[in-house]
Amino acid sequence: MYAILGLPLVIAPYMSNRSILILSIVLLINPVNIYTFGSYLINNSVIDFRLPYPKVNINEFLVDGSFLEVLKINLTSGYEGSIVWSWNVGRIFAIPGLFFLGVYFSKTKMLTDKPLRFWYHFLVLTFMLCLIFDVIGDVWVQHIENKLHLGIFKPIIDGYFKLVMMFFMLSLIVIIWRHNNGKVWAAKFSDFGRMGLTNYILMSIIGAILYYGWGAGLYKYCGSFTTFLIGILALIFQMKFSSWWLEKYEQGPLEKIWRKITWIKM
């Protein structure tokens, strides 16, 4: 889905930096959300743009299904459900919005050349927005009596909160990194990040083997804290594996395959 939503990036080289930034902001704000809020505030009516989820209980397959049954359900109803969820919570707009923002950051060198004063101001702004959306979610959204309206507005506010929280964390990392010339604990994740695609898939494989019914079935025995510890151990393993791999090769295994496919001659 990321590859498909990234296709509009082919127009980025032909756009000005200003146009890229404006398009990114529009996508991140989400035109559907703006229309929904505007309609509600103007005439107190809401159009439900959400799509229905597949009428299949996927959890039954994850708990009791064989490997092939889980694979089949994930490639059919599971993937359809993922796309529907991404639309319903606004990810279909947010993902390309972040892609274009990444292009803007790269072309303008904002992360490395923008004065730190900007990032301090941005840190404060995003922190205030986090508080605002948190209050809106706790005060306004929770008091919506209409269940249809509640089901529509709650994911929207949650999405905005997570978005500004991400920008708050980004600002914090940029400030810490540049004050210490990159000599910070976050630098330990650099090899892990260089193999992002491989680690993304590897973490899914590890989780499936440990928790699904066809694997170790740990979902029956592990609570939140134990699962958190297992996640930390898996992360440490992947960080060590990434550093070991990149000492021998220039790219991760899946990154290498993806690069070859990208530049294949038709």
C-alpha atoms as a PDB file:
ATOM      1  CA  MET A   1       0.000   0.000   0.000  1.00  0.00           C
ATOM      2  CA  TYR A   2       2.907   2.363   0.745  1.00  0.00           C
ATOM      3  CA  ALA A   3       4.301   1.725  -2.737  1.00  0.00           C
ATOM      4  CA  ILE A   4       0.954   2.525  -4.344  1.00  0.00           C
ATOM      5  CA  LEU A   5       0.395   5.651  -2.232  1.00  0.00           C
ATOM      6  CA  GLY A   6       3.929   6.746  -3.065  1.00  0.00           C
ATOM      7  CA  LEU A   7       3.294   6.822  -6.814  1.00  0.00           C
ATOM      8  CA  PRO A   8       2.224  10.526  -6.801  1.00  0.00           C
ATOM      9  CA  LEU A   9       5.804  11.348  -5.756  1.00  0.00           C
ATOM     10  CA  VAL A  10       6.794  11.103  -9.428  1.00  0.00           C
ATOM     11  CA  ILE A  11       5.450  14.657  -9.855  1.00  0.00           C
ATOM     12  CA  ALA A  12       7.556  16.052  -6.988  1.00  0.00           C
ATOM     13  CA  PRO A  13      10.635  16.912  -9.147  1.00  0.00           C
ATOM     14  CA  TYR A  14       8.417  19.153 -11.274  1.00  0.00           C
ATOM     15  CA  MET A  15       6.945  21.032  -8.295  1.00  0.00           C
ATOM     16  CA  SER A  16       8.316  24.015  -6.399  1.00  0.00           C
ATOM     17  CA  ASN A  17       9.185  23.609  -2.731  1.00  0.00           C
ATOM     18  CA  ARG A  18       6.249  25.824  -1.803  1.00  0.00           C
ATOM     19  CA  SER A  19       3.821  23.676  -3.818  1.00  0.00           C
ATOM     20  CA  ILE A  20       5.159  20.487  -2.232  1.00  0.00           C
ATOM     21  CA  LEU A  21       4.705  21.937   1.263  1.00  0.00           C
ATOM     22  CA  ILE A  22       1.167  23.165   0.546  1.00  0.00           C
ATOM     23  CA  LEU A  23       0.144  19.806  -0.939  1.00  0.00           C
ATOM     24  CA  SER A  24       1.617  18.003   2.063  1.00  0.00           C
ATOM     25  CA  ILE A  25      -0.291  20.192   4.536  1.00  0.00           C
ATOM     26  CA  VAL A  26      -3.563  19.742   2.630  1.00  0.00           C
ATOM     27  CA  LEU A  27      -3.149  15.952   2.640  1.00  0.00           C
ATOM     28  CA  LEU A  28      -2.208  15.833   6.332  1.00  0.00           C
ATOM     29  CA  ILE A  29      -5.179  17.986   7.360  1.00  0.00           C
ATOM     30  CA  ASN A  30      -7.355  15.721   5.183  1.00  0.00           C
ATOM     31  CA  PRO A  31      -9.989  17.401   2.953  1.00  0.00           C
ATOM     32  CA  VAL A  32     -12.613  14.806   3.939  1.00  0.00           C
ATOM     33  CA  ASN A  33     -12.180  15.708   7.629  1.00  0.00           C
ATOM     34  CA  ILE A  34     -12.466  19.422   6.872  1.00  0.00           C
ATOM     35  CA  TYR A  35     -15.665  18.848   4.913  1.00  0.00           C
ATOM     36  CA  THR A  36     -17.043  16.697   7.744  1.00  0.00           C
ATOM     37  CA  PHE A  37     -16.323  19.359  10.386  1.00  0.00           C
ATOM     38  CA  GLY A  38     -17.638  22.151   8.167  1.00  0.00           C
ATOM     39  CA  SER A  39     -20.881  20.327   7.462  1.00  0.00           C
ATOM     40  CA  TYR A  40     -21.365  19.596  11.164  1.00  0.00           C
ATOM     41  CA  LEU A  41     -20.703  23.189  12.281  1.00  0.00           C
ATOM     42  CA  ILE A  42     -22.795  24.829   9.547  1.00  0.00           C
ATOM     43  CA  ASN A  43     -25.945  22.697   9.469  1.00  0.00           C
ATOM     44  CA  ASN A  44     -25.337  20.038  12.158  1.00  0.00           C
ATOM     45  CA  SER A  45     -25.365  17.236   9.575  1.00  0.00           C
ATOM     46  CA  VAL A  46     -22.649  14.665   9.010  1.00  0.00           C
ATOM     47  CA  ILE A  47     -21.999  12.503   5.963  1.00  0.00           C
ATOM     48  CA  ASP A  48     -20.477   9.172   6.919  1.00  0.00           C
ATOM     49  CA  PHE A  49     -17.613   8.593   4.471  1.00  0.00           C
ATOM     50  CA  ARG A  50     -16.466   5.443   6.292  1.00  0.00           C
ATOM     51  CA  LEU A  51     -16.435   2.132   4.434  1.00  0.00           C
ATOM     52  CA  PRO A  52     -17.812  -1.110   5.916  1.00  0.00           C
ATOM     53  CA  TYR A  53     -15.296  -3.697   7.098  1.00  0.00           C
ATOM     54  CA  PRO A  54     -15.274  -7.242   5.649  1.00  0.00           C
ATOM     55  CA  LYS A  55     -17.808  -9.466   7.401  1.00  0.00           C
ATOM     56  CA  VAL A  56     -15.222 -12.031   8.462  1.00  0.00           C
ATOM     57  CA  ASN A  57     -14.003 -12.747  11.985  1.00  0.00           C
ATOM     58  CA  ILE A  58     -10.287 -12.689  11.263  1.00  0.00           C
ATOM     59  CA  ASN A  59      -9.403 -13.317  14.921  1.00  0.00           C
ATOM     60  CA  GLU A  60     -10.762 -16.852  14.685  1.00  0.00           C
ATOM     61  CA  PHE A  61      -8.227 -17.649  11.966  1.00  0.00           C
ATOM     62  CA  LEU A  62      -5.383 -15.969  13.863  1.00  0.00           C
ATOM     63  CA  VAL A  63      -6.169 -18.023  16.974  1.00  0.00           C
ATOM     64  CA  ASP A  64      -6.976 -21.456  15.542  1.00  0.00           C
ATOM     65  CA  GLY A  65      -6.023 -21.362  11.866  1.00  0.00           C
ATOM     66  CA  SER A  66      -3.080 -23.119  10.257  1.00  0.00           C
ATOM     67  CA  PHE A  67      -0.267 -21.146   8.636  1.00  0.00           C
ATOM     68  CA  LEU A  68      -1.848 -21.477   5.177  1.00  0.00           C
ATOM     69  CA  GLU A  69      -5.292 -20.462   6.483  1.00  0.00           C
ATOM     70  CA  VAL A  70      -3.824 -17.368   8.150  1.00  0.00           C
ATOM     71  CA  LEU A  71      -1.878 -16.541   4.993  1.00  0.00           C
ATOM     72  CA  LYS A  72      -5.025 -16.843   2.864  1.00  0.00           C
ATOM     73  CA  ILE A  73      -7.207 -14.717   5.165  1.00  0.00           C
ATOM     74  CA  ASN A  74      -4.512 -12.031   5.412  1.00  0.00           C
ATOM     75  CA  LEU A  75      -4.142 -11.846   1.636  1.00  0.00           C
ATOM     76  CA  THR A  76      -7.911 -11.532   1.132  1.00  0.00           C
ATOM     77  CA  SER A  77     -10.183 -10.186   3.878  1.00  0.00           C
ATOM     78  CA  GLY A  78      -7.261  -9.124   6.036  1.00  0.00           C
ATOM     79  CA  TYR A  79      -5.736  -6.929   3.349  1.00  0.00           C
ATOM     80  CA  GLU A  80      -9.140  -5.542   2.399  1.00  0.00           C
ATOM     81  CA  GLY A  81      -9.774  -4.727   6.065  1.00  0.00           C
ATOM     82  CA  SER A  82      -6.403  -2.974   6.287  1.00  0.00           C
ATOM     83  CA  ILE A  83      -7.252  -0.747   3.326  1.00  0.00           C
ATOM     84  CA  VAL A  84     -10.714   0.027   4.716  1.00  0.00           C
ATOM     85  CA  TRP A  85      -9.199   0.868   8.117  1.00  0.00           C
ATOM     86  CA  SER A  86      -6.606   3.122   6.479  1.00  0.00           C
ATOM     87  CA  TRP A  87      -9.390   5.034   4.718  1.00  0.00           C
ATOM     88  CA  ASN A  88     -11.627   5.235   7.780  1.00  0.00           C
ATOM     89  CA  VAL A  89      -8.907   6.702  10.025  1.00  0.00           C
ATOM     90  CA  GLY A  90      -7.443   9.008   7.360  1.00  0.00           C
ATOM     91  CA  ARG A  91      -4.195   7.152   6.614  1.00  0.00           C
ATOM     92  CA  ILE A  92      -4.912   7.163   2.869  1.00  0.00           C
ATOM     93  CA  PHE A  93      -4.342  10.942   2.954  1.00  0.00           C
ATOM     94  CA  ALA A  94      -1.760  11.069   5.744  1.00  0.00           C
ATOM     95  CA  ILE A  95       0.708   8.610   4.190  1.00  0.00           C
ATOM     96  CA  PRO A  96       1.250  10.496   0.889  1.00  0.00           C
ATOM     97  CA  GLY A  97       1.165  13.721   2.897  1.00  0.00           C
ATOM     98  CA  LEU A  98       4.122  12.516   4.944  1.00  0.00           C
ATOM     99  CA  PHE A  99       5.861  11.304   1.796  1.00  0.00           C
ATOM    100  CA  PHE A 100       5.653  14.766   0.219  1.00  0.00           C
ATOM    101  CA  LEU A 101       6.737  16.348   3.502  1.00  0.00           C
ATOM    102  CA  GLY A 102       9.785  14.080   3.468  1.00  0.00           C
ATOM    103  CA  VAL A 103      10.626  15.325  -0.030  1.00  0.00           C
ATOM    104  CA  TYR A 104      10.261  18.915   1.211  1.00  0.00           C
ATOM    105  CA  PHE A 105      12.549  18.254   4.194  1.00  0.00           C
ATOM    106  CA  SER A 106      15.117  16.687   1.882  1.00  0.00           C
ATOM    107  CA  LYS A 107      15.084  19.474  -0.723  1.00  0.00           C
ATOM    108  CA  THR A 108      15.224  22.295   1.843  1.00  0.00           C
ATOM    109  CA  LYS A 109      17.567  20.478   4.282  1.00  0.00           C
ATOM    110  CA  MET A 110      15.281  21.591   7.117  1.00  0.00           C
ATOM    111  CA  LEU A 111      16.416  18.878   9.518  1.00  0.00           C
ATOM    112  CA  THR A 112      20.066  19.910   9.286  1.00  0.00           C
ATOM    113  CA  ASP A 113      20.189  23.563   8.158  1.00  0.00           C
ATOM    114  CA  LYS A 114      17.067  25.185   9.611  1.00  0.00           C
ATOM    115  CA  PRO A 115      18.012  27.354  12.643  1.00  0.00           C
ATOM    116  CA  LEU A 116      17.430  25.621  15.953  1.00  0.00           C
ATOM    117  CA  ARG A 117      15.194  28.517  17.012  1.00  0.00           C
ATOM    118  CA  PHE A 118      12.628  27.279  14.478  1.00  0.00           C
ATOM    119  CA  TRP A 119      12.688  23.773  15.940  1.00  0.00           C
ATOM    120  CA  TYR A 120      12.294  25.107  19.494  1.00  0.00           C
ATOM    121  CA  HIS A 121       9.273  27.121  18.390  1.00  0.00           C
ATOM    122  CA  PHE A 122       7.915  24.107  16.521  1.00  0.00           C
ATOM    123  CA  LEU A 123       8.438  21.956  19.634  1.00  0.00           C
ATOM    124  CA  VAL A 124       6.369  24.355  21.754  1.00  0.00           C
ATOM    125  CA  LEU A 125       3.683  24.676  19.064  1.00  0.00           C
ATOM    126  CA  THR A 126       3.251  20.909  18.657  1.00  0.00           C
ATOM    127  CA  PHE A 127       3.205  20.439  22.435  1.00  0.00           C
ATOM    128  CA  MET A 128       0.380  22.978  22.730  1.00  0.00           C
ATOM    129  CA  LEU A 129      -1.511  21.307  19.885  1.00  0.00           C
ATOM    130  CA  CYS A 130      -1.141  17.939  21.644  1.00  0.00           C
ATOM    131  CA  LEU A 131      -2.778  19.428  24.730  1.00  0.00           C
ATOM    132  CA  ILE A 132      -5.552  21.011  22.654  1.00  0.00           C
ATOM    133  CA  PHE A 133      -6.432  17.798  20.801  1.00  0.00           C
ATOM    134  CA  ASP A 134      -6.200  15.815  24.037  1.00  0.00           C
ATOM    135  CA  VAL A 135      -8.675  18.169  25.689  1.00  0.00           C
ATOM    136  CA  ILE A 136     -10.974  18.071  22.650  1.00  0.00           C
ATOM    137  CA  GLY A 137     -10.882  14.266  22.755  1.00  0.00           C
ATOM    138  CA  ASP A 138     -11.596  14.117  26.489  1.00  0.00           C
ATOM    139  CA  VAL A 139     -14.147  16.929  26.732  1.00  0.00           C
ATOM    140  CA  TRP A 140     -15.973  17.462  23.452  1.00  0.00           C
ATOM    141  CA  VAL A 141     -15.795  14.083  21.724  1.00  0.00           C
ATOM    142  CA  GLN A 142     -16.662  12.058  24.832  1.00  0.00           C
ATOM    143  CA  HIS A 143     -19.840  14.086  25.322  1.00  0.00           C
ATOM    144  CA  ILE A 144     -21.218  13.485  21.823  1.00  0.00           C
ATOM    145  CA  GLU A 145     -24.419  11.528  22.393  1.00  0.00           C
ATOM    146  CA  ASN A 146     -25.092  10.599  18.776  1.00  0.00           C
ATOM    147  CA  LYS A 147     -23.256   7.282  18.262  1.00  0.00           C
ATOM    148  CA  LEU A 148     -22.846   7.900  14.531  1.00  0.00           C
ATOM    149  CA  HIS A 149     -21.227  11.280  15.151  1.00  0.00           C
ATOM    150  CA  LEU A 150     -19.065   9.814  17.928  1.00  0.00           C
ATOM    151  CA  GLY A 151     -17.839   7.032  15.651  1.00  0.00           C
ATOM    152  CA  ILE A 152     -16.897   9.599  13.003  1.00  0.00           C
ATOM    153  CA  PHE A 153     -15.254  12.321  15.095  1.00  0.00           C
ATOM    154  CA  LYS A 154     -13.319  10.198  17.596  1.00  0.00           C
ATOM    155  CA  PRO A 155     -10.915   8.675  14.987  1.00  0.00           C
ATOM    156  CA  ILE A 156     -10.462  12.109  13.415  1.00  0.00           C
ATOM    157  CA  ILE A 157      -9.378  13.750  16.680  1.00  0.00           C
ATOM    158  CA  ASP A 158      -7.223  10.728  17.586  1.00  0.00           C
ATOM    159  CA  GLY A 159      -5.546  10.985  14.187  1.00  0.00           C
ATOM    160  CA  TYR A 160      -4.752  14.678  14.621  1.00  0.00           C
ATOM    161  CA  PHE A 161      -3.410  14.039  18.132  1.00  0.00           C
ATOM    162  CA  LYS A 162      -1.072  11.291  16.893  1.00  0.00           C
ATOM    163  CA  LEU A 163       0.070  13.468  13.998  1.00  0.00           C
ATOM    164  CA  VAL A 164       1.079  16.440  16.149  1.00  0.00           C
ATOM    165  CA  MET A 165       2.622  14.057  18.715  1.00  0.00           C
ATOM    166  CA  MET A 166       4.803  12.674  15.919  1.00  0.00           C
ATOM    167  CA  PHE A 167       5.922  16.207  14.982  1.00  0.00           C
ATOM    168  CA  PHE A 168       6.640  16.952  18.650  1.00  0.00           C
ATOM    169  CA  MET A 169       8.891  13.880  18.845  1.00  0.00           C
ATOM    170  CA  LEU A 170      10.563  14.828  15.551  1.00  0.00           C
ATOM    171  CA  SER A 171      11.349  18.321  16.869  1.00  0.00           C
ATOM    172  CA  LEU A 172      12.758  16.878  20.078  1.00  0.00           C
ATOM    173  CA  ILE A 173      15.010  14.436  18.220  1.00  0.00           C
ATOM    174  CA  VAL A 174      16.281  17.150  15.833  1.00  0.00           C
ATOM    175  CA  ILE A 175      17.128  19.458  18.759  1.00  0.00           C
ATOM    176  CA  ILE A 176      18.913  16.754  20.761  1.00  0.00           C
ATOM    177  CA  TRP A 177      20.753  15.460  17.686  1.00  0.00           C
ATOM    178  CA  ARG A 178      22.036  18.853  16.534  1.00  0.00           C
ATOM    179  CA  HIS A 179      23.076  19.985  20.009  1.00  0.00           C
ATOM    180  CA  ASN A 180      25.320  16.921  20.259  1.00  0.00           C
ATOM    181  CA  ASN A 181      26.443  16.645  16.625  1.00  0.00           C
ATOM    182  CA  GLY A 182      24.723  13.273  16.273  1.00  0.00           C
ATOM    183  CA  LYS A 183      26.539  11.759  19.273  1.00  0.00           C
ATOM    184  CA  VAL A 184      23.362  10.708  21.063  1.00  0.00           C
ATOM    185  CA  TRP A 185      21.718   7.425  22.000  1.00  0.00           C
ATOM    186  CA  ALA A 186      19.357   7.732  19.016  1.00  0.00           C
ATOM    187  CA  ALA A 187      22.360   7.175  16.722  1.00  0.00           C
ATOM    188  CA  LYS A 188      22.280   3.526  17.787  1.00  0.00           C
ATOM    189  CA  PHE A 189      19.144   3.142  15.675  1.00  0.00           C
ATOM    190  CA  SER A 190      20.844   4.299  12.465  1.00  0.00           C
ATOM    191  CA  ASP A 191      21.681   0.791  11.190  1.00  0.00           C
ATOM    192  CA  PHE A 192      18.218  -0.403  12.202  1.00  0.00           C
ATOM    193  CA  GLY A 193      16.708   2.465  10.189  1.00  0.00           C
ATOM    194  CA  ARG A 194      18.871   1.803   7.143  1.00  0.00           C
ATOM    195  CA  MET A 195      17.269  -1.647   6.996  1.00  0.00           C
ATOM    196  CA  GLY A 196      13.752  -0.323   7.612  1.00  0.00           C
ATOM    197  CA  LEU A 197      11.951  -2.548   5.098  1.00  0.00           C
ATOM    198  CA  THR A 198      13.761  -5.708   6.208  1.00  0.00           C
ATOM    199  CA  ASN A 199      13.145  -4.971   9.881  1.00  0.00           C
ATOM    200  CA  TYR A 200       9.496  -4.086   9.270  1.00  0.00           C
ATOM    201  CA  ILE A 201       8.893  -7.496   7.677  1.00  0.00           C
ATOM    202  CA  LEU A 202      11.162  -9.324  10.144  1.00  0.00           C
ATOM    203  CA  MET A 203       9.288  -7.938  13.148  1.00  0.00           C
ATOM    204  CA  SER A 204       6.019  -9.169  11.642  1.00  0.00           C
ATOM    205  CA  ILE A 205       7.520 -12.626  11.115  1.00  0.00           C
ATOM    206  CA  ILE A 206       8.835 -12.756  14.692  1.00  0.00           C
ATOM    207  CA  GLY A 207       5.492 -11.606  16.103  1.00  0.00           C
ATOM    208  CA  ALA A 208       3.498 -14.080  14.001  1.00  0.00           C
ATOM    209  CA  ILE A 209       5.707 -17.032  15.017  1.00  0.00           C
ATOM    210  CA  LEU A 210       5.512 -16.106  18.691  1.00  0.00           C
ATOM    211  CA  TYR A 211       1.841 -15.145  19.011  1.00  0.00           C
ATOM    212  CA  TYR A 212      -0.321 -16.733  16.318  1.00  0.00           C
ATOM    213  CA  GLY A 213      -2.080 -20.021  16.959  1.00  0.00           C
ATOM    214  CA  TRP A 214      -0.036 -21.859  14.308  1.00  0.00           C
ATOM    215  CA  GLY A 215       3.142 -20.699  16.086  1.00  0.00           C
ATOM    216  CA  ALA A 216       3.978 -20.626  19.790  1.00  0.00           C
ATOM    217  CA  GLY A 217       0.527 -19.215  20.652  1.00  0.00           C
ATOM    218  CA  LEU A 218       1.909 -16.849  23.305  1.00  0.00           C
ATOM    219  CA  TYR A 219      -1.219 -14.707  23.057  1.00  0.00           C
ATOM    220  CA  LYS A 220      -2.739 -17.133  25.604  1.00  0.00           C
ATOM    221  CA  TYR A 221       0.001 -16.591  28.186  1.00  0.00           C
ATOM    222  CA  CYS A 222       1.523 -13.133  27.762  1.00  0.00           C
ATOM    223  CA  GLY A 223       0.042  -9.973  29.187  1.00  0.00           C
ATOM    224  CA  SER A 224       0.940  -6.415  28.204  1.00  0.00           C
ATOM    225  CA  PHE A 225       4.099  -6.196  30.326  1.00  0.00           C
ATOM    226  CA  THR A 226       5.511  -9.529  29.154  1.00  0.00           C
ATOM    227  CA  THR A 227       4.726  -8.638  25.565  1.00  0.00           C
ATOM    228  CA  PHE A 228       6.484  -5.304  26.041  1.00  0.00           C
ATOM    229  CA  LEU A 229       9.624  -7.082  27.280  1.00  0.00           C
ATOM    230  CA  ILE A 230       9.503  -9.515  24.343  1.00  0.00           C
ATOM    231  CA  GLY A 231       9.197  -6.533  21.994  1.00  0.00           C
ATOM    232  CA  ILE A 232      12.269  -4.888  23.548  1.00  0.00           C
ATOM    233  CA  LEU A 233      14.289  -8.107  23.190  1.00  0.00           C
ATOM    234  CA  ALA A 234      13.173  -8.480  19.565  1.00  0.00           C
ATOM    235  CA  LEU A 235      14.177  -4.863  18.892  1.00  0.00           C
ATOM    236  CA  ILE A 236      17.637  -5.374  20.424  1.00  0.00           C
ATOM    237  CA  PHE A 237      18.084  -8.515  18.330  1.00  0.00           C
ATOM    238  CA  GLN A 238      17.132  -6.659  15.142  1.00  0.00           C
ATOM    239  CA  MET A 239      19.473  -3.767  15.967  1.00  0.00           C
ATOM    240  CA  LYS A 240      22.374  -6.185  16.479  1.00  0.00           C
ATOM    241  CA  PHE A 241      21.447  -8.092  13.327  1.00  0.00           C
ATOM    242  CA  SER A 242      21.266  -4.862  11.311  1.00  0.00           C
ATOM    243  CA  SER A 243      24.712  -3.720  12.451  1.00  0.00           C
ATOM    244  CA  TRP A 244      26.188  -7.164  11.701  1.00  0.00           C
ATOM    245  CA  TRP A 245      24.599  -7.290   8.250  1.00  0.00           C
ATOM    246  CA  LEU A 246      25.670  -3.759   7.240  1.00  0.00           C
ATOM    247  CA  GLU A 247      29.260  -4.504   8.199  1.00  0.00           C
ATOM    248  CA  LYS A 248      29.242  -7.075   5.379  1.00  0.00           C
ATOM    249  CA  TYR A 249      26.832  -5.543   2.852  1.00  0.00           C
ATOM    250  CA  GLU A 250      25.846  -2.042   1.741  1.00  0.00           C
ATOM    251  CA  GLN A 251      22.088  -2.623   2.089  1.00  0.00           C
ATOM    252  CA  GLY A 252      19.634  -4.880   3.864  1.00  0.00           C
ATOM    253  CA  PRO A 253      18.458  -7.981   1.939  1.00  0.00           C
ATOM    254  CA  LEU A 254      14.966  -6.679   1.140  1.00  0.00           C
ATOM    255  CA  GLU A 255      16.298  -3.176   0.430  1.00  0.00           C
ATOM    256  CA  LYS A 256      18.659  -4.706  -2.129  1.00  0.00           C
ATOM    257  CA  ILE A 257      15.823  -6.625  -3.794  1.00  0.00           C
ATOM    258  CA  TRP A 258      13.579  -3.553  -3.803  1.00  0.00           C
ATOM    259  CA  ARG A 259      16.345  -1.466  -5.373  1.00  0.00           C
ATOM    260  CA  LYS A 260      16.910  -4.040  -8.133  1.00  0.00           C
ATOM    261  CA  ILE A 261      13.175  -4.159  -8.878  1.00  0.00           C
ATOM    262  CA  THR A 262      13.001  -0.362  -8.908  1.00  0.00           C
ATOM    263  CA  TRP A 263      15.732  -0.037 -11.529  1.00  0.00           C
ATOM    264  CA  ILE A 264      14.866  -3.109 -13.565  1.00  0.00           C
ATOM    265  CA  LYS A 265      15.006  -2.533 -17.312  1.00  0.00           C
ATOM    266  CA  MET A 266      11.743  -3.431 -19.038  1.00  0.00           C
END
